[in-house]
Amino acid sequence: MKLKIPSTAAVRLLRSKDIEFFPHFYKYEERGGTTVSARELKVPEHSIIKTLVMEDDKKSPIIVLMHGDRQVSTKSLARQTGARAIYSCNPEVANKHSGYLVGGTSPFGTKKTMPVYLERTILDLDEIYINGGSRGFLLSMSPGVLLKLLNPVVVEVGIDG
C-alpha cells in the first residue's frame, strides 16, 4: 500500500521550490524521538536531523538543526549568537512559533520566520532525514537544501548527549 504524502507546509514549500526529496513514514512513538525514527527507517541516528525550537533570553524564537544522536550546548550557542542564554521552548510555545506539533516540527514552512542555526557537521553527510511537518513523516534529501532554503547560520554547538 502506497501512503499518500501529507500536504504539509513543508512539503508545499519544497515542491514550490522544485526541491528533490523522498518521503519516509514510520510508526510515531510519543517521546521516542530520533531513536525510534532511526530504528524504524533502519538509518543511522546521526543522519536524522532534529528541528529544535528554542528561545534566547529576550524570548526571541530560533530554530536549531542538530544530529539526532547529539545534544545542543546552549551555552556555546548563546556565545555564538550573542545571546545571554538560550533555552528550550516548552511544547506549547514551540508549536505556536512553528505552526507544527512537537515531534512533527519541520524547519521548512514555519508559521513564524525564525533565524536558523545549523550544526556544521550536518553538511558533511551525504543524505539527511528531516521532519516533513507531521509526526511519523520524515523527508530524505541532500543537506545542501538546508543552505539553499533556510539561509542558516552555521555553528558548532553539538555535544555528545
Protein backbone atom coordinates (compact mmCIF):
# COMPACT_ATOMS: atom_id res chain seq x y z
CA MET A 1 0.00 0.00 0.00
CA LYS A 2 1.40 3.36 -1.02
CA LEU A 3 0.95 6.06 1.60
CA LYS A 4 -0.21 9.48 0.47
CA ILE A 5 2.29 12.26 1.10
CA PRO A 6 0.74 14.75 3.53
CA SER A 7 0.28 18.26 2.15
CA THR A 8 2.13 19.97 4.99
CA ALA A 9 3.51 23.50 4.76
CA ALA A 10 6.98 21.91 4.48
CA VAL A 11 6.01 19.69 1.53
CA ARG A 12 4.25 22.57 -0.23
CA LEU A 13 7.32 24.81 0.18
CA LEU A 14 9.75 22.14 -1.08
CA ARG A 15 7.55 21.40 -4.10
CA SER A 16 7.18 25.12 -4.90
CA LYS A 17 10.99 25.40 -5.00
CA ASP A 18 11.42 22.20 -7.07
CA ILE A 19 13.47 20.56 -4.31
CA GLU A 20 14.00 16.82 -4.63
CA PHE A 21 13.05 14.85 -1.52
CA PHE A 22 11.90 11.35 -0.69
CA PRO A 23 9.13 10.65 1.86
CA HIS A 24 9.57 8.11 4.67
CA PHE A 25 6.83 7.03 7.06
CA TYR A 26 7.26 5.28 10.41
CA LYS A 27 5.12 4.49 13.43
CA TYR A 28 5.47 7.54 15.68
CA GLU A 29 6.00 6.87 19.38
CA GLU A 30 5.37 9.60 21.97
CA ARG A 31 8.75 10.65 23.44
CA GLY A 32 10.54 8.17 21.15
CA GLY A 33 12.48 10.86 19.32
CA THR A 34 15.14 10.15 16.74
CA THR A 35 15.98 6.78 18.32
CA VAL A 36 12.61 5.44 17.13
CA SER A 37 12.72 7.01 13.66
CA ALA A 38 16.29 5.74 13.09
CA ARG A 39 15.31 2.24 14.21
CA GLU A 40 12.13 2.17 12.13
CA LEU A 41 13.77 3.54 8.96
CA LYS A 42 16.97 1.50 9.53
CA VAL A 43 19.26 4.51 9.15
CA PRO A 44 21.96 5.90 11.47
CA GLU A 45 20.53 8.21 14.13
CA HIS A 46 23.34 10.64 13.26
CA SER A 47 21.70 11.25 9.84
CA ILE A 48 18.32 12.09 11.38
CA ILE A 49 18.19 15.85 11.93
CA LYS A 50 16.19 17.27 14.83
CA THR A 51 14.42 20.60 14.39
CA LEU A 52 14.54 22.25 17.80
CA VAL A 53 12.63 25.43 18.58
CA MET A 54 14.43 27.41 21.27
CA GLU A 55 14.35 30.95 22.66
CA ASP A 56 17.00 33.41 23.70
CA ASP A 57 16.94 35.44 26.92
CA LYS A 58 14.69 38.02 25.22
CA LYS A 59 12.12 35.29 24.34
CA SER A 60 13.00 35.57 20.62
CA PRO A 61 12.48 32.17 18.98
CA ILE A 62 15.18 30.40 16.95
CA ILE A 63 15.47 27.05 15.20
CA VAL A 64 18.45 24.79 15.82
CA LEU A 65 19.14 21.85 13.49
CA MET A 66 21.09 19.08 15.22
CA HIS A 67 22.03 15.43 14.64
CA GLY A 68 19.61 13.02 16.29
CA ASP A 69 22.35 11.45 18.41
CA ARG A 70 23.78 14.74 19.72
CA GLN A 71 22.63 17.50 22.04
CA VAL A 72 22.90 21.28 21.74
CA SER A 73 25.33 23.08 24.02
CA THR A 74 23.07 26.03 24.82
CA LYS A 75 25.99 27.82 26.49
CA SER A 76 28.07 27.57 23.31
CA LEU A 77 25.07 28.52 21.15
CA ALA A 78 24.43 31.60 23.28
CA ARG A 79 28.08 32.64 22.89
CA GLN A 80 27.93 32.14 19.10
CA THR A 81 24.64 34.04 18.74
CA GLY A 82 25.48 36.88 21.10
CA ALA A 83 22.60 36.00 23.44
CA ARG A 84 22.96 35.90 27.21
CA ALA A 85 21.27 32.48 27.29
CA ILE A 86 19.36 30.02 25.11
CA TYR A 87 16.54 27.84 26.41
CA SER A 88 14.39 25.04 25.03
CA CYS A 89 10.81 26.18 24.47
CA ASN A 90 8.03 24.33 26.17
CA PRO A 91 5.98 22.37 23.61
CA GLU A 92 3.02 24.81 23.52
CA VAL A 93 5.31 27.77 22.79
CA ALA A 94 7.29 25.78 20.19
CA ASN A 95 4.01 24.76 18.48
CA LYS A 96 2.88 28.41 18.40
CA HIS A 97 6.14 29.63 16.84
CA SER A 98 6.48 26.86 14.24
CA GLY A 99 2.87 26.02 13.41
CA TYR A 100 3.78 22.33 13.84
CA LEU A 101 3.25 19.91 16.71
CA VAL A 102 6.40 19.00 18.63
CA GLY A 103 7.50 15.63 17.24
CA GLY A 104 6.48 16.80 13.78
CA THR A 105 8.36 20.10 13.54
CA SER A 106 9.96 20.87 10.20
CA PRO A 107 12.30 23.80 9.59
CA PHE A 108 10.52 24.35 6.25
CA GLY A 109 7.31 26.36 6.03
CA THR A 110 7.19 27.50 9.65
CA LYS A 111 4.37 29.80 10.72
CA LYS A 112 6.82 32.40 12.02
CA THR A 113 10.11 33.18 10.25
CA MET A 114 12.88 32.44 12.72
CA PRO A 115 16.68 32.53 12.50
CA VAL A 116 18.05 29.03 11.81
CA TYR A 117 21.27 27.71 13.34
CA LEU A 118 22.72 24.65 11.63
CA GLU A 119 25.26 22.32 13.23
CA ARG A 120 28.25 22.41 10.82
CA THR A 121 28.84 18.65 10.74
CA ILE A 122 25.37 18.05 9.24
CA LEU A 123 26.81 19.40 5.98
CA ASP A 124 29.34 16.51 5.96
CA LEU A 125 26.55 13.95 5.46
CA ASP A 126 25.59 12.66 2.00
CA GLU A 127 21.91 12.42 2.91
CA ILE A 128 19.80 13.66 5.81
CA TYR A 129 16.39 12.71 7.16
CA ILE A 130 14.40 15.68 8.46
CA ASN A 131 10.84 16.12 9.59
CA GLY A 132 8.29 16.76 6.87
CA GLY A 133 5.83 18.57 9.12
CA SER A 134 3.92 15.65 10.62
CA ARG A 135 4.64 13.06 13.30
CA GLY A 136 5.94 9.83 11.78
CA PHE A 137 6.88 11.51 8.50
CA LEU A 138 10.49 12.27 7.52
CA LEU A 139 11.96 13.51 4.26
CA SER A 140 15.35 12.46 2.95
CA MET A 141 17.35 14.96 0.93
CA SER A 142 20.76 16.47 0.40
CA PRO A 143 21.94 18.62 3.33
CA GLY A 144 22.66 21.36 0.76
CA VAL A 145 18.90 22.01 0.68
CA LEU A 146 19.20 23.44 4.20
CA LEU A 147 21.70 26.05 2.98
CA LYS A 148 19.66 26.85 -0.10
CA LEU A 149 16.26 27.32 1.54
CA LEU A 150 16.89 28.28 5.16
CA ASN A 151 19.86 30.66 4.94
CA PRO A 152 21.16 29.26 8.25
CA VAL A 153 23.97 30.46 10.44
CA VAL A 154 26.42 27.56 10.57
CA VAL A 155 27.55 26.86 14.15
CA GLU A 156 29.46 24.22 16.09
CA VAL A 157 27.34 23.53 19.16
CA GLY A 158 26.86 19.76 19.13
CA ILE A 159 27.83 17.74 22.17
CA ASP A 160 27.52 14.03 22.87
CA GLY A 161 24.39 13.53 24.83
